All heavy atoms as atom14 arrays in JSON, in Angstrom:
{
  "sequence": "EVAVQAEPPAGPAPATDDTLRLYFLCAHSTLPPASAVALTLRAVG",
  "atom14_mask": [
    [1, 1, 1, 1, 1, 1, 1, 1, 1, 0, 0, 0, 0, 0],
    [1, 1, 1, 1, 1, 1, 1, 0, 0, 0, 0, 0, 0, 0],
    [1, 1, 1, 1, 1, 0, 0, 0, 0, 0, 0, 0, 0, 0],
    [1, 1, 1, 1, 1, 1, 1, 0, 0, 0, 0, 0, 0, 0],
    [1, 1, 1, 1, 1, 1, 1, 1, 1, 0, 0, 0, 0, 0],
    [1, 1, 1, 1, 1, 0, 0, 0, 0, 0, 0, 0, 0, 0],
    [1, 1, 1, 1, 1, 1, 1, 1, 1, 0, 0, 0, 0, 0],
    [1, 1, 1, 1, 1, 1, 1, 0, 0, 0, 0, 0, 0, 0],
    [1, 1, 1, 1, 1, 1, 1, 0, 0, 0, 0, 0, 0, 0],
    [1, 1, 1, 1, 1, 0, 0, 0, 0, 0, 0, 0, 0, 0],
    [1, 1, 1, 1, 0, 0, 0, 0, 0, 0, 0, 0, 0, 0],
    [1, 1, 1, 1, 1, 1, 1, 0, 0, 0, 0, 0, 0, 0],
    [1, 1, 1, 1, 1, 0, 0, 0, 0, 0, 0, 0, 0, 0],
    [1, 1, 1, 1, 1, 1, 1, 0, 0, 0, 0, 0, 0, 0],
    [1, 1, 1, 1, 1, 0, 0, 0, 0, 0, 0, 0, 0, 0],
    [1, 1, 1, 1, 1, 1, 1, 0, 0, 0, 0, 0, 0, 0],
    [1, 1, 1, 1, 1, 1, 1, 1, 0, 0, 0, 0, 0, 0],
    [1, 1, 1, 1, 1, 1, 1, 1, 0, 0, 0, 0, 0, 0],
    [1, 1, 1, 1, 1, 1, 1, 0, 0, 0, 0, 0, 0, 0],
    [1, 1, 1, 1, 1, 1, 1, 1, 0, 0, 0, 0, 0, 0],
    [1, 1, 1, 1, 1, 1, 1, 1, 1, 1, 1, 0, 0, 0],
    [1, 1, 1, 1, 1, 1, 1, 1, 0, 0, 0, 0, 0, 0],
    [1, 1, 1, 1, 1, 1, 1, 1, 1, 1, 1, 1, 0, 0],
    [1, 1, 1, 1, 1, 1, 1, 1, 1, 1, 1, 0, 0, 0],
    [1, 1, 1, 1, 1, 1, 1, 1, 0, 0, 0, 0, 0, 0],
    [1, 1, 1, 1, 1, 1, 0, 0, 0, 0, 0, 0, 0, 0],
    [1, 1, 1, 1, 1, 0, 0, 0, 0, 0, 0, 0, 0, 0],
    [1, 1, 1, 1, 1, 1, 1, 1, 1, 1, 0, 0, 0, 0],
    [1, 1, 1, 1, 1, 1, 0, 0, 0, 0, 0, 0, 0, 0],
    [1, 1, 1, 1, 1, 1, 1, 0, 0, 0, 0, 0, 0, 0],
    [1, 1, 1, 1, 1, 1, 1, 1, 0, 0, 0, 0, 0, 0],
    [1, 1, 1, 1, 1, 1, 1, 0, 0, 0, 0, 0, 0, 0],
    [1, 1, 1, 1, 1, 1, 1, 0, 0, 0, 0, 0, 0, 0],
    [1, 1, 1, 1, 1, 0, 0, 0, 0, 0, 0, 0, 0, 0],
    [1, 1, 1, 1, 1, 1, 0, 0, 0, 0, 0, 0, 0, 0],
    [1, 1, 1, 1, 1, 0, 0, 0, 0, 0, 0, 0, 0, 0],
    [1, 1, 1, 1, 1, 1, 1, 0, 0, 0, 0, 0, 0, 0],
    [1, 1, 1, 1, 1, 0, 0, 0, 0, 0, 0, 0, 0, 0],
    [1, 1, 1, 1, 1, 1, 1, 1, 0, 0, 0, 0, 0, 0],
    [1, 1, 1, 1, 1, 1, 1, 0, 0, 0, 0, 0, 0, 0],
    [1, 1, 1, 1, 1, 1, 1, 1, 0, 0, 0, 0, 0, 0],
    [1, 1, 1, 1, 1, 1, 1, 1, 1, 1, 1, 0, 0, 0],
    [1, 1, 1, 1, 1, 0, 0, 0, 0, 0, 0, 0, 0, 0],
    [1, 1, 1, 1, 1, 1, 1, 0, 0, 0, 0, 0, 0, 0],
    [1, 1, 1, 1, 0, 0, 0, 0, 0, 0, 0, 0, 0, 0]
  ],
  "atom14_positions": [
    [[0.82, -1.2, 0.0], [0.0, 0.0, 0.0], [0.87, 1.26, 0.0], [0.55, 2.23, -0.69], [-0.93, -0.01, 1.21], [-1.99, -1.08, 1.15], [-2.93, -1.06, 2.34], [-2.68, -0.25, 3.25], [-3.89, -1.84, 2.35], [0.0, 0.0, 0.0], [0.0, 0.0, 0.0], [0.0, 0.0, 0.0], [0.0, 0.0, 0.0], [0.0, 0.0, 0.0]],
    [[1.95, 1.24, 0.79], [2.85, 2.4, 0.81], [3.47, 2.61, -0.56], [3.6, 3.74, -1.05], [3.94, 2.2, 1.89], [5.02, 3.27, 1.75], [3.33, 2.25, 3.28], [0.0, 0.0, 0.0], [0.0, 0.0, 0.0], [0.0, 0.0, 0.0], [0.0, 0.0, 0.0], [0.0, 0.0, 0.0], [0.0, 0.0, 0.0], [0.0, 0.0, 0.0]],
    [[3.86, 1.5, -1.21], [4.46, 1.61, -2.54], [3.48, 2.2, -3.54], [3.85, 3.04, -4.37], [4.93, 0.23, -3.01], [0.0, 0.0, 0.0], [0.0, 0.0, 0.0], [0.0, 0.0, 0.0], [0.0, 0.0, 0.0], [0.0, 0.0, 0.0], [0.0, 0.0, 0.0], [0.0, 0.0, 0.0], [0.0, 0.0, 0.0], [0.0, 0.0, 0.0]],
    [[2.22, 1.77, -3.45], [1.21, 2.3, -4.37], [1.01, 3.79, -4.13], [0.93, 4.59, -5.07], [-0.12, 1.54, -4.2], [-1.25, 2.25, -4.93], [0.02, 0.12, -4.72], [0.0, 0.0, 0.0], [0.0, 0.0, 0.0], [0.0, 0.0, 0.0], [0.0, 0.0, 0.0], [0.0, 0.0, 0.0], [0.0, 0.0, 0.0], [0.0, 0.0, 0.0]],
    [[0.93, 4.17, -2.85], [0.72, 5.58, -2.52], [1.9, 6.45, -2.95], [1.73, 7.62, -3.28], [0.48, 5.72, -1.02], [-0.84, 5.1, -0.56], [-0.95, 5.05, 0.94], [-0.06, 5.5, 1.66], [-2.06, 4.5, 1.44], [0.0, 0.0, 0.0], [0.0, 0.0, 0.0], [0.0, 0.0, 0.0], [0.0, 0.0, 0.0], [0.0, 0.0, 0.0]],
    [[3.11, 5.88, -2.95], [4.3, 6.64, -3.3], [4.44, 6.84, -4.8], [5.15, 7.75, -5.25], [5.56, 5.93, -2.77], [0.0, 0.0, 0.0], [0.0, 0.0, 0.0], [0.0, 0.0, 0.0], [0.0, 0.0, 0.0], [0.0, 0.0, 0.0], [0.0, 0.0, 0.0], [0.0, 0.0, 0.0], [0.0, 0.0, 0.0], [0.0, 0.0, 0.0]],
    [[3.8, 6.01, -5.6], [3.9, 6.13, -7.06], [3.1, 7.33, -7.55], [2.01, 7.6, -7.07], [3.37, 4.87, -7.72], [4.25, 3.65, -7.5], [3.65, 2.42, -8.16], [2.58, 2.55, -8.77], [4.29, 1.35, -8.06], [0.0, 0.0, 0.0], [0.0, 0.0, 0.0], [0.0, 0.0, 0.0], [0.0, 0.0, 0.0], [0.0, 0.0, 0.0]],
    [[3.62, 8.08, -8.53], [2.84, 9.18, -9.09], [1.66, 8.65, -9.88], [1.72, 7.55, -10.44], [3.85, 9.88, -10.01], [4.84, 8.8, -10.36], [4.93, 7.92, -9.16], [0.0, 0.0, 0.0], [0.0, 0.0, 0.0], [0.0, 0.0, 0.0], [0.0, 0.0, 0.0], [0.0, 0.0, 0.0], [0.0, 0.0, 0.0], [0.0, 0.0, 0.0]],
    [[0.57, 9.39, -9.94], [-0.59, 8.93, -10.71], [-0.26, 8.81, -12.18], [0.44, 9.65, -12.75], [-1.65, 10.01, -10.45], [-0.87, 11.22, -10.03], [0.35, 10.71, -9.31], [0.0, 0.0, 0.0], [0.0, 0.0, 0.0], [0.0, 0.0, 0.0], [0.0, 0.0, 0.0], [0.0, 0.0, 0.0], [0.0, 0.0, 0.0], [0.0, 0.0, 0.0]],
    [[-0.76, 7.74, -12.82], [-0.45, 7.49, -14.22], [-1.58, 7.95, -15.12], [-1.98, 7.26, -16.05], [-0.19, 6.0, -14.43], [0.0, 0.0, 0.0], [0.0, 0.0, 0.0], [0.0, 0.0, 0.0], [0.0, 0.0, 0.0], [0.0, 0.0, 0.0], [0.0, 0.0, 0.0], [0.0, 0.0, 0.0], [0.0, 0.0, 0.0], [0.0, 0.0, 0.0]],
    [[-2.14, 9.11, -14.87], [-3.23, 9.6, -15.7], [-4.41, 10.03, -14.86], [-4.3, 10.17, -13.64], [0.0, 0.0, 0.0], [0.0, 0.0, 0.0], [0.0, 0.0, 0.0], [0.0, 0.0, 0.0], [0.0, 0.0, 0.0], [0.0, 0.0, 0.0], [0.0, 0.0, 0.0], [0.0, 0.0, 0.0], [0.0, 0.0, 0.0], [0.0, 0.0, 0.0]],
    [[-5.55, 10.23, -15.49], [-6.71, 10.76, -14.76], [-7.43, 9.76, -13.9], [-8.34, 10.12, -13.18], [-7.63, 11.23, -15.9], [-7.28, 10.33, -17.04], [-5.8, 10.08, -16.92], [0.0, 0.0, 0.0], [0.0, 0.0, 0.0], [0.0, 0.0, 0.0], [0.0, 0.0, 0.0], [0.0, 0.0, 0.0], [0.0, 0.0, 0.0], [0.0, 0.0, 0.0]],
    [[-7.07, 8.47, -13.97], [-7.79, 7.45, -13.19], [-7.6, 7.71, -11.7], [-6.53, 8.13, -11.26], [-7.26, 6.06, -13.52], [0.0, 0.0, 0.0], [0.0, 0.0, 0.0], [0.0, 0.0, 0.0], [0.0, 0.0, 0.0], [0.0, 0.0, 0.0], [0.0, 0.0, 0.0], [0.0, 0.0, 0.0], [0.0, 0.0, 0.0], [0.0, 0.0, 0.0]],
    [[-8.62, 7.49, -10.86], [-8.49, 7.71, -9.42], [-7.5, 6.74, -8.81], [-7.33, 5.61, -9.28], [-9.91, 7.45, -8.89], [-10.54, 6.56, -9.92], [-9.95, 6.97, -11.23], [0.0, 0.0, 0.0], [0.0, 0.0, 0.0], [0.0, 0.0, 0.0], [0.0, 0.0, 0.0], [0.0, 0.0, 0.0], [0.0, 0.0, 0.0], [0.0, 0.0, 0.0]],
    [[-6.86, 7.18, -7.73], [-5.89, 6.32, -7.05], [-6.59, 5.15, -6.39], [-7.6, 5.31, -5.72], [-5.14, 7.14, -5.99], [0.0, 0.0, 0.0], [0.0, 0.0, 0.0], [0.0, 0.0, 0.0], [0.0, 0.0, 0.0], [0.0, 0.0, 0.0], [0.0, 0.0, 0.0], [0.0, 0.0, 0.0], [0.0, 0.0, 0.0], [0.0, 0.0, 0.0]],
    [[-6.08, 3.93, -6.59], [-6.65, 2.74, -5.97], [-5.52, 1.87, -5.46], [-4.36, 2.08, -5.78], [-7.49, 1.92, -6.98], [-6.64, 1.51, -8.06], [-8.64, 2.75, -7.54], [0.0, 0.0, 0.0], [0.0, 0.0, 0.0], [0.0, 0.0, 0.0], [0.0, 0.0, 0.0], [0.0, 0.0, 0.0], [0.0, 0.0, 0.0], [0.0, 0.0, 0.0]],
    [[-5.84, 0.88, -4.65], [-4.86, -0.12, -4.27], [-5.38, -1.47, -4.74], [-6.37, -1.55, -5.44], [-4.58, -0.08, -2.76], [-5.85, -0.25, -1.95], [-6.73, -1.03, -2.39], [-5.96, 0.36, -0.87], [0.0, 0.0, 0.0], [0.0, 0.0, 0.0], [0.0, 0.0, 0.0], [0.0, 0.0, 0.0], [0.0, 0.0, 0.0], [0.0, 0.0, 0.0]],
    [[-4.67, -2.53, -4.33], [-5.04, -3.86, -4.83], [-6.01, -4.57, -3.9], [-6.28, -5.75, -4.08], [-3.78, -4.71, -5.02], [-3.02, -4.94, -3.72], [-3.4, -4.35, -2.7], [-2.03, -5.68, -3.74], [0.0, 0.0, 0.0], [0.0, 0.0, 0.0], [0.0, 0.0, 0.0], [0.0, 0.0, 0.0], [0.0, 0.0, 0.0], [0.0, 0.0, 0.0]],
    [[-6.56, -3.86, -2.91], [-7.41, -4.53, -1.93], [-8.64, -5.16, -2.57], [-8.99, -6.3, -2.28], [-7.84, -3.54, -0.84], [-6.68, -2.89, -0.3], [-8.57, -4.25, 0.28], [0.0, 0.0, 0.0], [0.0, 0.0, 0.0], [0.0, 0.0, 0.0], [0.0, 0.0, 0.0], [0.0, 0.0, 0.0], [0.0, 0.0, 0.0], [0.0, 0.0, 0.0]],
    [[-9.31, -4.41, -3.45], [-10.52, -4.95, -4.07], [-10.2, -6.19, -4.9], [-10.96, -7.17, -4.89], [-11.18, -3.88, -4.94], [-12.56, -4.23, -5.51], [-13.54, -4.52, -4.38], [-13.08, -3.08, -6.37], [0.0, 0.0, 0.0], [0.0, 0.0, 0.0], [0.0, 0.0, 0.0], [0.0, 0.0, 0.0], [0.0, 0.0, 0.0], [0.0, 0.0, 0.0]],
    [[-9.07, -6.17, -5.6], [-8.67, -7.35, -6.38], [-8.43, -8.54, -5.45], [-8.81, -9.67, -5.76], [-7.41, -7.05, -7.19], [-6.86, -8.27, -7.93], [-5.74, -7.9, -8.88], [-5.07, -9.09, -9.38], [-5.53, -9.89, -10.33], [-6.71, -9.64, -10.86], [-4.86, -10.94, -10.74], [0.0, 0.0, 0.0], [0.0, 0.0, 0.0], [0.0, 0.0, 0.0]],
    [[-7.84, -8.3, -4.28], [-7.61, -9.38, -3.33], [-8.93, -9.96, -2.84], [-9.03, -11.17, -2.62], [-6.77, -8.86, -2.15], [-5.31, -8.53, -2.45], [-4.65, -7.93, -1.21], [-4.56, -9.77, -2.9], [0.0, 0.0, 0.0], [0.0, 0.0, 0.0], [0.0, 0.0, 0.0], [0.0, 0.0, 0.0], [0.0, 0.0, 0.0], [0.0, 0.0, 0.0]],
    [[-9.93, -9.12, -2.67], [-11.25, -9.62, -2.27], [-11.76, -10.63, -3.31], [-12.28, -11.69, -2.96], [-12.25, -8.46, -2.17], [-12.3, -7.8, -0.81], [-11.24, -7.05, -0.33], [-13.43, -7.89, -0.02], [-11.3, -6.42, 0.9], [-13.51, -7.27, 1.22], [-12.43, -6.54, 1.67], [-12.48, -5.93, 2.9], [0.0, 0.0, 0.0], [0.0, 0.0, 0.0]],
    [[-11.61, -10.28, -4.58], [-12.1, -11.17, -5.63], [-11.28, -12.45, -5.72], [-11.82, -13.54, -5.94], [-12.08, -10.45, -6.98], [-13.32, -9.66, -7.26], [-13.4, -8.33, -6.94], [-14.43, -10.26, -7.83], [-14.55, -7.6, -7.18], [-15.59, -9.56, -8.08], [-15.65, -8.21, -7.76], [0.0, 0.0, 0.0], [0.0, 0.0, 0.0], [0.0, 0.0, 0.0]],
    [[-9.97, -12.35, -5.53], [-9.13, -13.54, -5.63], [-9.39, -14.51, -4.48], [-9.31, -15.72, -4.65], [-7.65, -13.14, -5.67], [-7.22, -12.34, -6.91], [-5.73, -12.0, -6.84], [-7.51, -13.13, -8.19], [0.0, 0.0, 0.0], [0.0, 0.0, 0.0], [0.0, 0.0, 0.0], [0.0, 0.0, 0.0], [0.0, 0.0, 0.0], [0.0, 0.0, 0.0]],
    [[-9.72, -13.97, -3.3], [-10.03, -14.85, -2.18], [-11.39, -15.54, -2.35], [-11.63, -16.59, -1.76], [-10.03, -14.06, -0.86], [-8.38, -13.72, -0.21], [0.0, 0.0, 0.0], [0.0, 0.0, 0.0], [0.0, 0.0, 0.0], [0.0, 0.0, 0.0], [0.0, 0.0, 0.0], [0.0, 0.0, 0.0], [0.0, 0.0, 0.0], [0.0, 0.0, 0.0]],
    [[-12.26, -14.93, -3.14], [-13.57, -15.54, -3.42], [-13.38, -16.62, -4.48], [-13.97, -16.56, -5.56], [-14.56, -14.48, -3.88], [0.0, 0.0, 0.0], [0.0, 0.0, 0.0], [0.0, 0.0, 0.0], [0.0, 0.0, 0.0], [0.0, 0.0, 0.0], [0.0, 0.0, 0.0], [0.0, 0.0, 0.0], [0.0, 0.0, 0.0], [0.0, 0.0, 0.0]],
    [[-12.56, -17.62, -4.18], [-12.13, -18.62, -5.16], [-13.27, -19.53, -5.57], [-14.12, -19.91, -4.75], [-10.98, -19.45, -4.57], [-10.14, -20.13, -5.6], [-10.45, -21.36, -6.11], [-9.02, -19.73, -6.23], [-9.54, -21.72, -6.99], [-8.65, -20.74, -7.09], [0.0, 0.0, 0.0], [0.0, 0.0, 0.0], [0.0, 0.0, 0.0], [0.0, 0.0, 0.0]],
    [[-13.28, -19.9, -6.85], [-14.39, -20.68, -7.39], [-14.47, -22.08, -6.78], [-15.53, -22.72, -6.83], [-14.23, -20.81, -8.91], [-12.99, -21.43, -9.25], [0.0, 0.0, 0.0], [0.0, 0.0, 0.0], [0.0, 0.0, 0.0], [0.0, 0.0, 0.0], [0.0, 0.0, 0.0], [0.0, 0.0, 0.0], [0.0, 0.0, 0.0], [0.0, 0.0, 0.0]],
    [[-13.38, -22.59, -6.19], [-13.41, -23.93, -5.61], [-14.0, -23.95, -4.2], [-14.24, -25.02, -3.65], [-11.98, -24.52, -5.54], [-11.18, -23.71, -4.67], [-11.36, -24.58, -6.92], [0.0, 0.0, 0.0], [0.0, 0.0, 0.0], [0.0, 0.0, 0.0], [0.0, 0.0, 0.0], [0.0, 0.0, 0.0], [0.0, 0.0, 0.0], [0.0, 0.0, 0.0]],
    [[-14.23, -22.76, -3.63], [-14.71, -22.69, -2.25], [-16.22, -22.46, -2.21], [-16.76, -21.7, -3.02], [-14.03, -21.53, -1.5], [-12.53, -21.64, -1.26], [-12.01, -20.36, -0.63], [-12.2, -22.83, -0.37], [0.0, 0.0, 0.0], [0.0, 0.0, 0.0], [0.0, 0.0, 0.0], [0.0, 0.0, 0.0], [0.0, 0.0, 0.0], [0.0, 0.0, 0.0]],
    [[-16.91, -23.09, -1.26], [-18.32, -22.73, -1.03], [-18.4, -21.26, -0.63], [-17.47, -20.73, -0.01], [-18.74, -23.64, 0.13], [-17.71, -24.72, 0.19], [-16.44, -24.13, -0.33], [0.0, 0.0, 0.0], [0.0, 0.0, 0.0], [0.0, 0.0, 0.0], [0.0, 0.0, 0.0], [0.0, 0.0, 0.0], [0.0, 0.0, 0.0], [0.0, 0.0, 0.0]],
    [[-19.48, -20.58, -0.99], [-19.58, -19.15, -0.69], [-19.31, -18.8, 0.77], [-18.6, -17.84, 1.07], [-21.03, -18.81, -1.08], [-21.35, -19.8, -2.16], [-20.64, -21.07, -1.76], [0.0, 0.0, 0.0], [0.0, 0.0, 0.0], [0.0, 0.0, 0.0], [0.0, 0.0, 0.0], [0.0, 0.0, 0.0], [0.0, 0.0, 0.0], [0.0, 0.0, 0.0]],
    [[-19.86, -19.58, 1.72], [-19.67, -19.26, 3.14], [-18.19, -19.33, 3.52], [-17.69, -18.49, 4.28], [-20.48, -20.22, 4.01], [0.0, 0.0, 0.0], [0.0, 0.0, 0.0], [0.0, 0.0, 0.0], [0.0, 0.0, 0.0], [0.0, 0.0, 0.0], [0.0, 0.0, 0.0], [0.0, 0.0, 0.0], [0.0, 0.0, 0.0], [0.0, 0.0, 0.0]],
    [[-17.47, -20.32, 2.99], [-16.04, -20.46, 3.29], [-15.24, -19.34, 2.65], [-14.29, -18.81, 3.24], [-15.53, -21.82, 2.82], [-16.16, -22.86, 3.52], [0.0, 0.0, 0.0], [0.0, 0.0, 0.0], [0.0, 0.0, 0.0], [0.0, 0.0, 0.0], [0.0, 0.0, 0.0], [0.0, 0.0, 0.0], [0.0, 0.0, 0.0], [0.0, 0.0, 0.0]],
    [[-15.62, -18.98, 1.41], [-14.91, -17.9, 0.72], [-15.09, -16.58, 1.46], [-14.13, -15.81, 1.61], [-15.43, -17.78, -0.72], [0.0, 0.0, 0.0], [0.0, 0.0, 0.0], [0.0, 0.0, 0.0], [0.0, 0.0, 0.0], [0.0, 0.0, 0.0], [0.0, 0.0, 0.0], [0.0, 0.0, 0.0], [0.0, 0.0, 0.0], [0.0, 0.0, 0.0]],
    [[-16.29, -16.32, 1.94], [-16.54, -15.1, 2.7], [-15.72, -15.08, 3.98], [-15.05, -14.09, 4.3], [-18.04, -14.96, 3.03], [-18.27, -13.83, 4.03], [-18.85, -14.69, 1.77], [0.0, 0.0, 0.0], [0.0, 0.0, 0.0], [0.0, 0.0, 0.0], [0.0, 0.0, 0.0], [0.0, 0.0, 0.0], [0.0, 0.0, 0.0], [0.0, 0.0, 0.0]],
    [[-15.73, -16.19, 4.71], [-14.99, -16.26, 5.97], [-13.5, -16.06, 5.75], [-12.83, -15.32, 6.48], [-15.24, -17.61, 6.65], [0.0, 0.0, 0.0], [0.0, 0.0, 0.0], [0.0, 0.0, 0.0], [0.0, 0.0, 0.0], [0.0, 0.0, 0.0], [0.0, 0.0, 0.0], [0.0, 0.0, 0.0], [0.0, 0.0, 0.0], [0.0, 0.0, 0.0]],
    [[-12.95, -16.72, 4.72], [-11.52, -16.59, 4.43], [-11.17, -15.16, 4.05], [-10.15, -14.61, 4.51], [-11.13, -17.54, 3.3], [-9.67, -17.46, 2.82], [-8.72, -17.82, 3.96], [-9.45, -18.39, 1.63], [0.0, 0.0, 0.0], [0.0, 0.0, 0.0], [0.0, 0.0, 0.0], [0.0, 0.0, 0.0], [0.0, 0.0, 0.0], [0.0, 0.0, 0.0]],
    [[-11.99, -14.52, 3.23], [-11.7, -13.16, 2.8], [-11.78, -12.18, 3.96], [-10.95, -11.27, 4.08], [-12.69, -12.73, 1.69], [-12.76, -13.76, 0.7], [-12.23, -11.45, 1.02], [0.0, 0.0, 0.0], [0.0, 0.0, 0.0], [0.0, 0.0, 0.0], [0.0, 0.0, 0.0], [0.0, 0.0, 0.0], [0.0, 0.0, 0.0], [0.0, 0.0, 0.0]],
    [[-12.78, -12.36, 4.81], [-12.89, -11.5, 5.98], [-11.65, -11.59, 6.86], [-11.18, -10.59, 7.39], [-14.13, -11.87, 6.79], [-15.48, -11.51, 6.18], [-16.61, -12.15, 6.97], [-15.67, -10.0, 6.13], [0.0, 0.0, 0.0], [0.0, 0.0, 0.0], [0.0, 0.0, 0.0], [0.0, 0.0, 0.0], [0.0, 0.0, 0.0], [0.0, 0.0, 0.0]],
    [[-11.12, -12.8, 6.99], [-9.95, -13.0, 7.85], [-8.66, -12.54, 7.19], [-7.84, -11.85, 7.79], [-9.84, -14.49, 8.22], [-8.73, -14.79, 9.24], [-9.09, -14.24, 10.61], [-7.98, -14.32, 11.53], [-7.1, -13.35, 11.72], [-7.2, -12.2, 11.04], [-6.12, -13.48, 12.59], [0.0, 0.0, 0.0], [0.0, 0.0, 0.0], [0.0, 0.0, 0.0]],
    [[-8.48, -12.91, 5.9], [-7.2, -12.67, 5.23], [-7.07, -11.24, 4.71], [-5.97, -10.69, 4.7], [-7.03, -13.66, 4.07], [0.0, 0.0, 0.0], [0.0, 0.0, 0.0], [0.0, 0.0, 0.0], [0.0, 0.0, 0.0], [0.0, 0.0, 0.0], [0.0, 0.0, 0.0], [0.0, 0.0, 0.0], [0.0, 0.0, 0.0], [0.0, 0.0, 0.0]],
    [[-8.17, -10.64, 4.27], [-8.09, -9.32, 3.65], [-8.87, -8.27, 4.44], [-8.43, -7.14, 4.58], [-8.63, -9.38, 2.19], [-8.38, -8.04, 1.49], [-7.99, -10.52, 1.42], [0.0, 0.0, 0.0], [0.0, 0.0, 0.0], [0.0, 0.0, 0.0], [0.0, 0.0, 0.0], [0.0, 0.0, 0.0], [0.0, 0.0, 0.0], [0.0, 0.0, 0.0]],
    [[-10.04, -8.68, 4.96], [-10.88, -7.71, 5.65], [-10.37, -7.27, 6.99], [-10.79, -6.24, 7.51], [0.0, 0.0, 0.0], [0.0, 0.0, 0.0], [0.0, 0.0, 0.0], [0.0, 0.0, 0.0], [0.0, 0.0, 0.0], [0.0, 0.0, 0.0], [0.0, 0.0, 0.0], [0.0, 0.0, 0.0], [0.0, 0.0, 0.0], [0.0, 0.0, 0.0]]
  ]
}
């Protein structure tokens, strides 16, 4: 997150980090929804 914040903006797009992408990656297709939610809450949330 610090590295992302330290980088200059690369155009007009709003500044973001990779947190939202991590949420999606933890919601893995092999996991039941309840397990995916629990894992994401613990690992990323």
